[in-house]
Amino acid sequence: MSATEVEVARAVAAIDVIQPITATTKDAPARVGHPTDQLQEEPLPPSTPAVNEITGTRFYVLFLSICLVLVIAQMDSSIVAVAVPAITDHFHTVSDIGWYSSAYRLCLCSFQFLFGKLYKMFSFKRIFLISVALFLIGSILCSAAQSSLMLVVGRAVAGLASSGIVAGAFAFLVRTVPLRRRPLFTGIAAALEGISPIAAPVLGGFLVEINWRWCFIISIPSGGLVFIFLAIFLDELPPAEQTTWKYRLKELDLIGNLVLIPSLTSLFMALSWAGSTYAWNSAQVIALFCVFAVLLAAFAVDQWIKGDTATLPPRILKNRSILAGCVFTLCCSSSIYVVEYYLPTWLQAVKEYSAQKSGILMIPGVVAFLVALLLQGSAVNTVGYYVPFMLTASILMPIFAGLLTTLTVETGIGTVVTFMVFLSFAAGIGFQTPQIAVQNSLQESDALMGLAVILFFQGFGPSLFVMVAQTIFTNRLSASLEQLGSPLSGKSIENLGLSDLKGRVGKAQLHDVLLGLDSSIVQTFYLPVALACVTLIGSASMEWKNVKHKRN
């Protein structure tokens, strides 16, 4: 196919005229085929796969079914936040608090690129159903967990499956919806993906009142029904590229994924153990940091050698807007998530509220975040520039995150909710701007990969810094208990839940223990302050471009 034919094919695909691209001679320009033309048909280039359009009621039912499992998977990412105190009481340990979230998010972000390529080269239906089945297995493991380790393993399996579900939901729209209608449905899916993990703690608060296991049980019947429905009614969607198995294995970059995941796991284990299970200068912690560094270096070399077929193509990462967007989205998402993860714990452990009430108190923050997202989206559409909203978020977030570090046992609940509302609004103002910047800065052929990079850092940041926050929390709690002269100081807290800590001391020391819990959790809020400050590097480095110019 000549260069002229490729350009015409792309233009035809962009206006959703799925008709053959033809040419009369080798050098003649291509023209759009017509039913009356009797000319030879040529396929569209691999970068613009033909749409297997599904219409009518059948499409809406399938779309709603996929959205349902997307919501379930995304809610599972953060519903555990309000269940942490109950889980620690059940398993009598606080040493794995960070892993309940990080195991899920580590697998969620690490396999994004792999699933993107799987959907490109294999049957959509099979890959998506396998993802849903794995998610059900992970939920069953979590709901039936007999130990903290089993729960962490279940969370990892669910995170792996969620990666395939998220990638599959958007791949379904790309494969079945014409370009002119796609923004509406991708917007709905993206909104559900963004709202679900923020609203999940509210639902989790009610479920924990029954039993913390219901936070995972609730996903099983609904996910099972969607699996059966899609297995029966979803037609096979052929791979976007018909290639050999040798080419597929090369494109999947299995070596890169096998190096990246153990590297990140070693880092998280080191951060989880340092200062609590083992000393920072212990052989175990140092060895894990060394393994992380060596494997990460090997991954970087592997990516450089493979070039465009790599998991993280170097040409994408060389773009200034991509790098700035990665810094901003990593720090912004991490900052707000650490607060959302530990604030319900503070409300339950320090203020002694129920899980249900702590979930309800998170609702104003959810509403503020959504309002900010809507305002930011409409404002960028009107003004054209998105960098000012990133700068606004970078200025406001450190202020409101800093206010959370002033919380004490005596702080009124109205003050706490107000701080959370302002912080959520500030984060929402800039949260989606890196995704807009990617689409405005890259060519259309690279935009999807650029979005995948941003989404990777959006998921990787919270999984990493929740582990850092856990280290801060456990180390600070040990120090606070030692200052009280409590026999529960040091490593003994690893075998106790948060409620157990208060139950093991007498009434005379209860207030002091509450102060210790307060200062330990509040210390973790200094991390979001630091991360919010670093977002300014991404905001200030972002290229000033106008989306209206790109549109034109």
Protein backbone atom coordinates (compact mmCIF):
# COMPACT_ATOMS: atom_id res chain seq x y z
CA MET A 1 0.00 0.00 0.00
CA SER A 2 1.41 3.40 -0.99
CA ALA A 3 1.83 6.32 1.41
CA THR A 4 -1.10 8.09 -0.24
CA GLU A 5 -3.34 5.06 0.25
CA VAL A 6 -2.41 4.83 3.94
CA GLU A 7 -3.31 8.47 4.54
CA VAL A 8 -6.65 8.10 2.79
CA ALA A 9 -7.35 4.89 4.73
CA ARG A 10 -6.74 6.69 8.00
CA ALA A 11 -8.98 9.57 6.96
CA VAL A 12 -11.74 7.14 6.01
CA ALA A 13 -11.43 5.33 9.35
CA ALA A 14 -11.58 8.66 11.19
CA ILE A 15 -15.02 9.48 9.75
CA ASP A 16 -16.17 5.88 10.19
CA VAL A 17 -16.78 5.10 6.54
CA ILE A 18 -15.84 1.43 6.63
CA GLN A 19 -15.42 0.89 2.93
CA PRO A 20 -12.65 -0.57 0.79
CA ILE A 21 -9.67 1.54 -0.13
CA THR A 22 -8.82 1.07 -3.76
CA ALA A 23 -6.33 2.09 -6.37
CA THR A 24 -6.44 1.81 -10.12
CA THR A 25 -2.71 1.66 -10.76
CA LYS A 26 0.44 1.43 -8.70
CA ASP A 27 1.04 5.16 -8.75
CA ALA A 28 -2.55 6.36 -8.94
CA PRO A 29 -4.06 8.02 -5.89
CA ALA A 30 -6.39 5.94 -3.75
CA ARG A 31 -10.08 6.71 -3.61
CA VAL A 32 -12.95 5.71 -1.40
CA GLY A 33 -14.77 2.68 -2.77
CA HIS A 34 -18.44 2.82 -3.64
CA PRO A 35 -20.90 -0.06 -3.88
CA THR A 36 -20.90 0.36 -7.66
CA ASP A 37 -17.11 0.12 -7.90
CA GLN A 38 -15.71 -3.27 -8.90
CA LEU A 39 -12.17 -2.74 -7.70
CA GLN A 40 -9.79 -4.82 -5.61
CA GLU A 41 -10.10 -4.33 -1.81
CA GLU A 42 -7.03 -3.71 0.35
CA PRO A 43 -6.97 -3.94 4.16
CA LEU A 44 -6.55 -0.96 6.47
CA PRO A 45 -3.10 -0.51 7.95
CA PRO A 46 -2.49 -2.19 11.33
CA SER A 47 -2.59 1.16 13.16
CA THR A 48 -6.27 1.61 12.32
CA PRO A 49 -8.06 -1.74 12.73
CA ALA A 50 -11.51 -2.01 11.24
CA VAL A 51 -14.39 -1.51 13.66
CA ASN A 52 -16.55 -4.59 14.34
CA GLU A 53 -19.53 -2.38 15.02
CA ILE A 54 -22.28 -3.62 17.34
CA THR A 55 -25.49 -1.62 17.23
CA GLY A 56 -28.87 -1.33 18.90
CA THR A 57 -29.97 -2.87 22.17
CA ARG A 58 -27.33 -5.59 21.93
CA PHE A 59 -24.51 -3.02 22.15
CA TYR A 60 -26.00 -1.18 25.13
CA VAL A 61 -26.54 -4.40 27.06
CA LEU A 62 -22.97 -5.56 26.40
CA PHE A 63 -21.58 -2.12 27.20
CA LEU A 64 -23.46 -1.94 30.50
CA SER A 65 -22.29 -5.44 31.41
CA ILE A 66 -18.65 -4.54 30.78
CA CYS A 67 -19.10 -1.26 32.68
CA LEU A 68 -20.52 -3.21 35.63
CA VAL A 69 -17.48 -5.44 35.92
CA LEU A 70 -15.25 -2.37 35.41
CA VAL A 71 -16.97 -0.64 38.35
CA ILE A 72 -16.62 -3.76 40.51
CA ALA A 73 -12.93 -4.08 39.73
CA GLN A 74 -12.19 -0.42 40.36
CA MET A 75 -14.15 -0.31 43.61
CA ASP A 76 -12.15 -3.30 44.79
CA SER A 77 -8.98 -1.21 44.53
CA SER A 78 -9.89 1.04 47.47
CA ILE A 79 -12.85 -0.52 49.30
CA VAL A 80 -10.33 -2.15 51.63
CA ALA A 81 -9.38 1.27 53.08
CA VAL A 82 -12.24 1.40 55.60
CA ALA A 83 -11.84 -2.30 56.40
CA VAL A 84 -8.20 -1.99 57.54
CA PRO A 85 -8.94 -1.69 61.29
CA ALA A 86 -11.29 -4.69 61.20
CA ILE A 87 -8.81 -6.74 59.18
CA THR A 88 -5.92 -5.94 61.52
CA ASP A 89 -8.08 -6.93 64.49
CA HIS A 90 -9.03 -10.21 62.84
CA PHE A 91 -5.50 -11.25 61.87
CA HIS A 92 -3.87 -9.52 64.86
CA THR A 93 -1.24 -7.68 62.84
CA VAL A 94 -0.59 -4.17 61.51
CA SER A 95 2.56 -5.12 59.60
CA ASP A 96 0.67 -5.83 56.34
CA ILE A 97 -1.54 -2.72 56.26
CA GLY A 98 0.24 -1.30 53.21
CA TRP A 99 0.20 -4.61 51.34
CA TYR A 100 -3.62 -4.84 51.34
CA SER A 101 -3.60 -1.94 48.88
CA SER A 102 -0.15 -2.14 47.29
CA ALA A 103 -0.37 -5.82 46.27
CA TYR A 104 -3.50 -4.95 44.27
CA ARG A 105 -2.18 -1.75 42.73
CA LEU A 106 1.25 -3.18 41.96
CA CYS A 107 -0.30 -5.86 39.75
CA LEU A 108 -2.89 -3.45 38.36
CA CYS A 109 -0.28 -1.07 36.96
CA SER A 110 2.47 -3.60 36.15
CA PHE A 111 0.36 -5.62 33.69
CA GLN A 112 -1.33 -2.71 31.88
CA PHE A 113 1.04 -2.81 28.90
CA LEU A 114 0.95 -6.61 28.67
CA PHE A 115 -2.85 -6.72 28.49
CA GLY A 116 -2.88 -3.90 25.96
CA LYS A 117 -0.82 -6.07 23.63
CA LEU A 118 -2.80 -9.23 24.44
CA TYR A 119 -6.03 -7.55 23.31
CA LYS A 120 -4.29 -6.42 20.16
CA MET A 121 -3.03 -9.86 19.12
CA PHE A 122 -5.49 -12.37 20.60
CA SER A 123 -9.25 -12.92 20.82
CA PHE A 124 -10.85 -10.14 22.85
CA LYS A 125 -13.56 -12.39 24.27
CA ARG A 126 -11.14 -15.01 25.58
CA ILE A 127 -8.74 -12.52 27.19
CA PHE A 128 -11.56 -10.54 28.82
CA LEU A 129 -13.32 -13.64 30.18
CA ILE A 130 -10.02 -14.95 31.57
CA SER A 131 -9.55 -11.58 33.30
CA VAL A 132 -13.04 -11.72 34.85
CA ALA A 133 -12.47 -15.32 35.96
CA LEU A 134 -9.17 -14.38 37.61
CA PHE A 135 -10.89 -11.51 39.38
CA LEU A 136 -13.50 -13.88 40.79
CA ILE A 137 -10.74 -16.21 41.99
CA GLY A 138 -8.97 -13.29 43.67
CA SER A 139 -12.20 -12.17 45.36
CA ILE A 140 -12.86 -15.70 46.62
CA LEU A 141 -9.32 -15.90 48.05
CA CYS A 142 -9.79 -12.56 49.84
CA SER A 143 -13.22 -13.37 51.22
CA ALA A 144 -12.05 -16.78 52.49
CA ALA A 145 -8.61 -15.66 53.69
CA GLN A 146 -7.40 -17.52 56.77
CA SER A 147 -4.27 -15.42 57.19
CA SER A 148 -3.00 -11.98 56.36
CA LEU A 149 -0.66 -13.50 53.76
CA MET A 150 -3.55 -15.26 52.02
CA LEU A 151 -5.41 -11.96 51.86
CA VAL A 152 -2.38 -10.25 50.29
CA VAL A 153 -2.10 -13.03 47.68
CA GLY A 154 -5.80 -12.70 46.89
CA ARG A 155 -5.39 -8.95 46.47
CA ALA A 156 -2.50 -9.53 44.04
CA VAL A 157 -4.57 -11.94 41.92
CA ALA A 158 -7.49 -9.49 41.88
CA GLY A 159 -5.14 -6.66 40.86
CA LEU A 160 -3.74 -8.72 37.97
CA ALA A 161 -7.28 -9.45 36.78
CA SER A 162 -8.35 -5.82 37.20
CA SER A 163 -5.54 -4.77 34.87
CA GLY A 164 -7.07 -6.96 32.15
CA ILE A 165 -10.59 -5.71 32.88
CA VAL A 166 -9.64 -2.02 32.67
CA ALA A 167 -7.67 -2.50 29.45
CA GLY A 168 -10.44 -4.68 28.02
CA ALA A 169 -13.22 -2.19 28.72
CA PHE A 170 -11.54 0.46 26.58
CA ALA A 171 -10.37 -2.07 23.97
CA PHE A 172 -14.02 -3.15 23.56
CA LEU A 173 -15.04 0.42 22.69
CA VAL A 174 -12.16 0.87 20.27
CA ARG A 175 -13.07 -2.37 18.51
CA THR A 176 -16.86 -1.95 18.39
CA VAL A 177 -17.70 1.77 18.37
CA PRO A 178 -17.14 4.08 15.36
CA LEU A 179 -14.78 6.98 15.99
CA ARG A 180 -17.49 9.64 15.78
CA ARG A 181 -19.46 8.00 18.65
CA ARG A 182 -16.50 6.80 20.69
CA PRO A 183 -15.83 9.92 22.85
CA LEU A 184 -19.26 9.65 24.50
CA PHE A 185 -18.83 6.03 25.57
CA THR A 186 -15.16 6.29 26.49
CA GLY A 187 -16.09 9.30 28.61
CA ILE A 188 -18.72 7.26 30.44
CA ALA A 189 -16.28 4.40 31.02
CA ALA A 190 -13.52 6.77 32.17
CA ALA A 191 -15.90 8.53 34.58
CA LEU A 192 -16.97 5.21 36.09
CA GLU A 193 -13.33 4.14 36.35
CA GLY A 194 -12.41 7.36 38.16
CA ILE A 195 -15.42 7.61 40.46
CA SER A 196 -15.57 3.98 41.59
CA PRO A 197 -12.38 3.81 43.70
CA ILE A 198 -13.19 7.16 45.32
CA ALA A 199 -16.75 6.16 46.24
CA ALA A 200 -15.81 2.61 47.30
CA PRO A 201 -14.94 3.48 50.94
CA VAL A 202 -18.49 4.75 51.42
CA LEU A 203 -19.95 1.37 50.45
CA GLY A 204 -17.19 -0.40 52.37
CA GLY A 205 -18.20 1.41 55.54
CA PHE A 206 -21.64 -0.21 55.45
CA LEU A 207 -20.30 -3.66 54.53
CA VAL A 208 -17.72 -3.73 57.33
CA GLU A 209 -20.56 -3.35 59.82
CA ILE A 210 -21.70 -6.83 58.70
CA ASN A 211 -18.23 -8.35 58.28
CA TRP A 212 -15.09 -7.12 56.53
CA ARG A 213 -15.22 -10.18 54.24
CA TRP A 214 -18.34 -8.74 52.59
CA CYS A 215 -16.12 -6.10 50.98
CA PHE A 216 -14.90 -8.94 48.73
CA ILE A 217 -17.92 -11.28 48.77
CA ILE A 218 -20.09 -8.59 47.13
CA SER A 219 -18.02 -8.80 43.93
CA ILE A 220 -18.51 -12.54 43.43
CA PRO A 221 -22.22 -12.91 42.45
CA SER A 222 -22.31 -9.79 40.26
CA GLY A 223 -19.01 -10.67 38.59
CA GLY A 224 -20.16 -14.25 38.05
CA LEU A 225 -23.39 -13.14 36.36
CA VAL A 226 -21.46 -10.83 34.02
CA PHE A 227 -19.05 -13.66 33.17
CA ILE A 228 -21.92 -16.01 32.22
CA PHE A 229 -23.73 -13.31 30.24
CA LEU A 230 -20.66 -12.31 28.21
CA ALA A 231 -19.67 -15.94 27.62
CA ILE A 232 -23.07 -16.53 26.00
CA PHE A 233 -23.86 -13.27 24.19
CA LEU A 234 -20.52 -11.62 23.35
CA ASP A 235 -19.37 -12.56 19.85
CA GLU A 236 -15.76 -13.28 19.04
CA LEU A 237 -13.85 -10.18 18.01
CA PRO A 238 -10.93 -11.21 15.79
CA PRO A 239 -7.45 -9.94 16.73
CA ALA A 240 -6.58 -6.48 15.43
CA GLU A 241 -3.42 -7.99 13.93
CA GLN A 242 -3.12 -11.42 12.33
CA THR A 243 0.49 -12.38 13.09
CA THR A 244 2.62 -15.43 13.79
CA TRP A 245 3.18 -16.81 17.29
CA LYS A 246 6.85 -15.87 17.07
CA TYR A 247 5.95 -12.23 16.39
CA ARG A 248 3.36 -12.25 19.18
CA LEU A 249 5.83 -13.51 21.76
CA LYS A 250 8.30 -10.82 20.71
CA GLU A 251 5.66 -8.08 20.96
CA LEU A 252 4.53 -9.20 24.42
CA ASP A 253 8.00 -8.42 25.81
CA LEU A 254 7.76 -11.20 28.39
CA ILE A 255 11.35 -10.67 29.52
CA GLY A 256 10.69 -7.02 30.28
CA ASN A 257 7.60 -7.87 32.36
CA LEU A 258 9.38 -10.72 34.17
CA VAL A 259 12.12 -8.28 35.19
CA LEU A 260 9.94 -5.28 36.06
CA ILE A 261 7.49 -6.99 38.41
CA PRO A 262 10.10 -8.69 40.69
CA SER A 263 12.00 -5.41 40.75
CA LEU A 264 9.01 -3.45 42.06
CA THR A 265 8.09 -6.25 44.46
CA SER A 266 11.59 -6.15 45.97
CA LEU A 267 11.26 -2.41 46.49
CA PHE A 268 7.89 -2.75 48.22
CA MET A 269 9.13 -5.56 50.45
CA ALA A 270 12.14 -3.50 51.49
CA LEU A 271 9.97 -0.51 52.35
CA SER A 272 7.51 -2.73 54.22
CA TRP A 273 10.19 -4.42 56.38
CA ALA A 274 12.55 -1.50 56.95
CA GLY A 275 12.41 -0.11 60.47
CA SER A 276 9.77 -2.55 61.72
CA THR A 277 10.53 -6.19 60.88
CA TYR A 278 14.21 -5.50 60.19
CA ALA A 279 16.51 -2.53 60.72
CA TRP A 280 17.23 -0.23 57.79
CA ASN A 281 20.88 -1.39 57.74
CA SER A 282 20.01 -5.09 58.03
CA ALA A 283 21.22 -7.55 55.43
CA GLN A 284 17.65 -8.41 54.40
CA VAL A 285 16.63 -4.83 53.65
CA ILE A 286 19.89 -3.93 51.91
CA ALA A 287 19.68 -7.10 49.78
CA LEU A 288 16.14 -6.23 48.67
CA PHE A 289 17.17 -2.70 47.67
CA CYS A 290 20.09 -4.17 45.70
CA VAL A 291 17.83 -6.64 43.92
CA PHE A 292 15.48 -3.77 43.05
CA ALA A 293 18.33 -1.65 41.63
CA VAL A 294 19.87 -4.49 39.59
CA LEU A 295 16.57 -5.66 38.10
CA LEU A 296 15.46 -2.10 37.35
CA ALA A 297 18.74 -1.45 35.53
CA ALA A 298 18.28 -4.68 33.57
CA PHE A 299 14.75 -3.59 32.66
CA ALA A 300 15.99 -0.19 31.45
CA VAL A 301 18.66 -1.81 29.27
CA ASP A 302 16.13 -4.29 27.88
CA GLN A 303 13.73 -1.48 26.97
CA TRP A 304 16.47 0.54 25.27
CA ILE A 305 17.58 -2.43 23.17
CA LYS A 306 14.05 -3.37 22.08
CA GLY A 307 13.11 0.18 21.11
CA ASP A 308 9.58 0.46 19.69
CA THR A 309 8.65 -3.12 20.70
CA ALA A 310 9.52 -2.49 24.35
CA THR A 311 7.00 -2.36 27.19
CA LEU A 312 7.88 1.34 27.68
CA PRO A 313 9.05 2.64 24.27
CA PRO A 314 11.93 5.11 24.79
CA ARG A 315 10.57 7.48 22.13
CA ILE A 316 7.47 8.05 24.26
CA LEU A 317 9.44 8.77 27.41
CA LYS A 318 11.64 11.31 25.59
CA ASN A 319 8.68 13.63 25.12
CA ARG A 320 8.81 16.56 27.57
CA SER A 321 5.06 16.64 28.16
CA ILE A 322 5.01 12.89 28.86
CA LEU A 323 7.78 13.18 31.45
CA ALA A 324 6.13 16.18 33.09
CA GLY A 325 2.77 14.42 33.06
CA CYS A 326 4.29 11.30 34.65
CA VAL A 327 5.78 13.33 37.51
CA PHE A 328 2.53 15.21 38.09
CA THR A 329 0.17 12.25 37.90
CA LEU A 330 2.40 10.02 40.06
CA CYS A 331 2.61 12.59 42.84
CA CYS A 332 -0.97 13.89 42.57
CA SER A 333 -2.62 10.46 42.61
CA SER A 334 -0.28 9.26 45.38
CA SER A 335 -0.93 12.30 47.54
CA ILE A 336 -4.71 12.05 47.46
CA TYR A 337 -4.74 8.25 47.77
CA VAL A 338 -2.49 8.12 50.86
CA VAL A 339 -4.89 10.53 52.57
CA GLU A 340 -7.96 8.57 51.46
CA TYR A 341 -6.34 5.35 52.68
CA TYR A 342 -5.26 6.52 56.14
CA LEU A 343 -7.96 9.09 57.00
CA PRO A 344 -10.68 6.42 57.55
CA THR A 345 -8.18 4.58 59.78
CA TRP A 346 -7.64 7.79 61.77
CA LEU A 347 -11.40 8.31 62.12
CA GLN A 348 -11.89 4.78 63.44
CA ALA A 349 -8.76 4.37 65.57
CA VAL A 350 -8.50 7.88 67.05
CA LYS A 351 -12.05 9.30 66.93
CA GLU A 352 -13.46 5.79 67.54
CA TYR A 353 -16.10 6.10 64.82
CA SER A 354 -17.63 3.04 63.19
CA ALA A 355 -16.50 1.94 59.73
CA GLN A 356 -19.91 2.96 58.41
CA LYS A 357 -19.65 6.49 59.80
CA SER A 358 -16.07 6.91 58.57
CA GLY A 359 -17.24 5.92 55.09
CA ILE A 360 -20.09 8.42 55.19
CA LEU A 361 -17.71 11.19 56.25
CA MET A 362 -15.70 10.58 53.07
CA ILE A 363 -18.69 11.44 50.83
CA PRO A 364 -18.13 15.25 50.81
CA GLY A 365 -14.57 14.68 49.57
CA VAL A 366 -15.87 12.45 46.76
CA VAL A 367 -18.39 15.10 45.70
CA ALA A 368 -15.73 17.85 45.77
CA PHE A 369 -13.41 15.75 43.61
CA LEU A 370 -16.13 15.12 41.02
CA VAL A 371 -17.16 18.78 40.91
CA ALA A 372 -13.52 19.78 40.33
CA LEU A 373 -13.18 17.23 37.51
CA LEU A 374 -16.27 18.60 35.76
CA LEU A 375 -15.21 22.23 36.17
CA GLN A 376 -11.71 21.50 34.94
CA GLY A 377 -12.98 19.61 31.88
CA SER A 378 -15.40 22.35 30.80
CA ALA A 379 -12.91 25.12 31.55
CA VAL A 380 -10.15 23.54 29.44
CA ASN A 381 -12.67 23.09 26.65
CA THR A 382 -13.44 26.81 26.83
CA VAL A 383 -10.00 28.30 27.50
CA GLY A 384 -7.93 25.77 25.55
CA TYR A 385 -4.96 25.71 27.95
CA TYR A 386 -4.61 23.02 30.61
CA VAL A 387 -1.32 23.96 32.31
CA PRO A 388 -2.94 26.68 34.50
CA PHE A 389 -5.09 24.00 36.13
CA MET A 390 -2.04 21.88 36.88
CA LEU A 391 -0.34 24.89 38.46
CA THR A 392 -3.46 25.67 40.50
CA ALA A 393 -3.53 22.12 41.84
CA SER A 394 0.19 22.24 42.64
CA ILE A 395 -0.26 25.43 44.65
CA LEU A 396 -3.41 24.46 46.56
CA MET A 397 -2.71 20.78 47.32
CA PRO A 398 0.32 21.36 49.63
CA ILE A 399 -1.69 23.92 51.62
CA PHE A 400 -4.70 21.68 52.27
CA ALA A 401 -2.62 18.52 52.72
CA GLY A 402 -0.58 20.48 55.25
CA LEU A 403 -3.73 21.33 57.21
CA LEU A 404 -4.32 17.61 57.76
CA THR A 405 -1.02 17.40 59.66
CA THR A 406 -2.59 19.63 62.35
CA LEU A 407 -5.21 17.02 63.32
CA THR A 408 -5.32 16.02 66.98
CA VAL A 409 -7.57 13.91 69.19
CA GLU A 410 -9.56 17.05 70.02
CA THR A 411 -10.04 18.23 66.40
CA GLY A 412 -13.71 18.62 65.50
CA ILE A 413 -15.11 16.39 62.78
CA GLY A 414 -16.37 19.41 60.83
CA THR A 415 -12.81 20.68 60.56
CA VAL A 416 -11.58 17.29 59.32
CA VAL A 417 -14.26 17.05 56.64
CA THR A 418 -13.59 20.65 55.51
CA PHE A 419 -9.87 19.95 55.09
CA MET A 420 -10.66 16.81 53.08
CA VAL A 421 -13.13 18.65 50.84
CA PHE A 422 -10.61 21.37 49.97
CA LEU A 423 -7.83 18.84 49.33
CA SER A 424 -10.07 16.70 47.10
CA PHE A 425 -11.18 19.74 45.12
CA ALA A 426 -7.59 20.91 44.64
CA ALA A 427 -6.54 17.44 43.43
CA GLY A 428 -9.52 17.17 41.08
CA ILE A 429 -8.67 20.48 39.39
CA GLY A 430 -5.49 19.02 37.93
CA PHE A 431 -6.02 15.26 38.08
CA GLN A 432 -6.90 14.62 34.41
CA THR A 433 -4.71 17.27 32.78
CA PRO A 434 -1.77 14.89 32.06
CA GLN A 435 -4.11 12.72 29.98
CA ILE A 436 -5.21 15.78 28.01
CA ALA A 437 -1.58 16.79 27.55
CA VAL A 438 -0.65 13.37 26.14
CA GLN A 439 -3.35 13.51 23.47
CA ASN A 440 -2.36 17.07 22.62
CA SER A 441 1.39 16.45 22.45
CA LEU A 442 1.74 13.11 20.65
CA GLN A 443 0.81 11.97 17.20
CA GLU A 444 -2.36 9.95 17.00
CA SER A 445 -0.44 6.72 16.47
CA ASP A 446 1.40 7.21 19.80
CA ALA A 447 -1.45 8.67 21.85
CA LEU A 448 -2.71 5.33 23.19
CA MET A 449 0.74 4.27 24.31
CA GLY A 450 1.26 7.68 25.90
CA LEU A 451 -2.00 7.29 27.82
CA ALA A 452 -0.87 3.84 28.94
CA VAL A 453 2.33 5.35 30.35
CA ILE A 454 0.36 7.98 32.28
CA LEU A 455 -2.04 5.35 33.62
CA PHE A 456 0.90 3.19 34.67
CA PHE A 457 2.32 5.97 36.84
CA GLN A 458 -1.16 6.85 38.09
CA GLY A 459 -1.43 3.32 39.48
CA PHE A 460 2.22 2.81 40.42
CA GLY A 461 2.44 5.94 42.58
CA PRO A 462 -0.26 5.00 45.12
CA SER A 463 0.99 1.41 45.34
CA LEU A 464 4.51 2.63 46.15
CA PHE A 465 3.72 5.46 48.53
CA VAL A 466 1.12 3.54 50.53
CA MET A 467 4.02 1.22 51.41
CA VAL A 468 6.15 4.25 52.33
CA ALA A 469 3.28 5.55 54.48
CA GLN A 470 3.04 2.16 56.20
CA THR A 471 6.73 2.32 57.10
CA ILE A 472 6.24 5.82 58.54
CA PHE A 473 3.16 4.71 60.48
CA THR A 474 4.61 1.54 62.02
CA ASN A 475 7.95 3.15 62.90
CA ARG A 476 6.25 6.15 64.47
CA LEU A 477 3.80 3.96 66.39
CA SER A 478 6.64 1.85 67.79
CA ALA A 479 8.46 4.99 68.91
CA SER A 480 5.31 6.42 70.52
CA LEU A 481 4.66 3.23 72.48
CA GLU A 482 8.26 3.07 73.64
CA GLN A 483 7.99 6.63 74.96
CA LEU A 484 4.96 5.55 76.99
CA GLY A 485 6.96 2.69 78.49
CA SER A 486 4.30 0.29 77.20
CA PRO A 487 5.12 -3.43 77.04
CA LEU A 488 3.55 -3.37 73.56
CA SER A 489 6.37 -1.36 72.06
CA GLY A 490 8.59 -2.45 69.21
CA LYS A 491 7.95 -5.52 67.13
CA SER A 492 5.10 -6.73 69.37
CA ILE A 493 2.66 -4.41 67.57
CA GLU A 494 3.03 -6.49 64.41
CA ASN A 495 0.90 -9.17 66.06
CA LEU A 496 -1.85 -6.82 67.19
CA GLY A 497 -4.71 -5.04 65.46
CA LEU A 498 -5.41 -1.35 65.96
CA SER A 499 -8.28 -2.07 68.36
CA ASP A 500 -6.09 -4.63 70.17
CA LEU A 501 -3.58 -1.90 70.96
CA LYS A 502 -6.23 0.08 72.84
CA GLY A 503 -7.62 -3.02 74.51
CA ARG A 504 -4.26 -4.16 75.88
CA VAL A 505 -3.63 -1.01 77.91
CA GLY A 506 -5.37 0.19 81.02
CA LYS A 507 -7.74 3.11 81.18
CA ALA A 508 -4.97 5.25 82.62
CA GLN A 509 -2.91 4.88 79.43
CA LEU A 510 -5.77 4.83 76.93
CA HIS A 511 -5.60 8.57 76.27
CA ASP A 512 -1.84 8.34 75.75
CA VAL A 513 -2.28 5.46 73.31
CA LEU A 514 -4.86 7.52 71.38
CA LEU A 515 -2.32 10.33 71.22
CA GLY A 516 0.24 7.86 69.95
CA LEU A 517 -2.12 6.56 67.25
CA ASP A 518 -3.01 10.13 66.30
CA SER A 519 0.59 11.25 65.95
CA SER A 520 1.53 8.06 64.06
CA ILE A 521 -1.21 8.42 61.47
CA VAL A 522 -0.81 12.19 61.18
CA GLN A 523 2.89 11.65 60.50
CA THR A 524 1.89 9.79 57.33
CA PHE A 525 0.12 12.95 56.14
CA TYR A 526 3.48 14.71 55.80
CA LEU A 527 4.14 12.37 52.87
CA PRO A 528 1.16 13.72 50.85
CA VAL A 529 2.40 17.24 51.60
CA ALA A 530 5.80 16.43 50.13
CA LEU A 531 4.26 14.70 47.11
CA ALA A 532 1.92 17.64 46.50
CA CYS A 533 4.93 19.97 46.47
CA VAL A 534 6.73 17.78 43.90
CA THR A 535 3.75 18.06 41.53
CA LEU A 536 4.96 21.62 40.89
CA ILE A 537 7.94 20.15 38.99
CA GLY A 538 5.54 18.46 36.57
CA SER A 539 3.29 21.51 36.28
CA ALA A 540 6.16 23.93 35.64
CA SER A 541 7.79 21.57 33.10
CA MET A 542 4.66 20.94 31.04
CA GLU A 543 4.58 22.46 27.57
CA TRP A 544 2.05 25.24 27.10
CA LYS A 545 -0.15 24.07 24.26
CA ASN A 546 -3.70 24.88 23.26
CA VAL A 547 -6.11 22.00 22.69
CA LYS A 548 -8.04 24.15 20.22
CA HIS A 549 -5.01 24.30 17.94
CA LYS A 550 -4.72 20.53 18.01
CA ARG A 551 -8.41 20.25 17.29
CA ASN A 552 -8.10 22.55 14.29
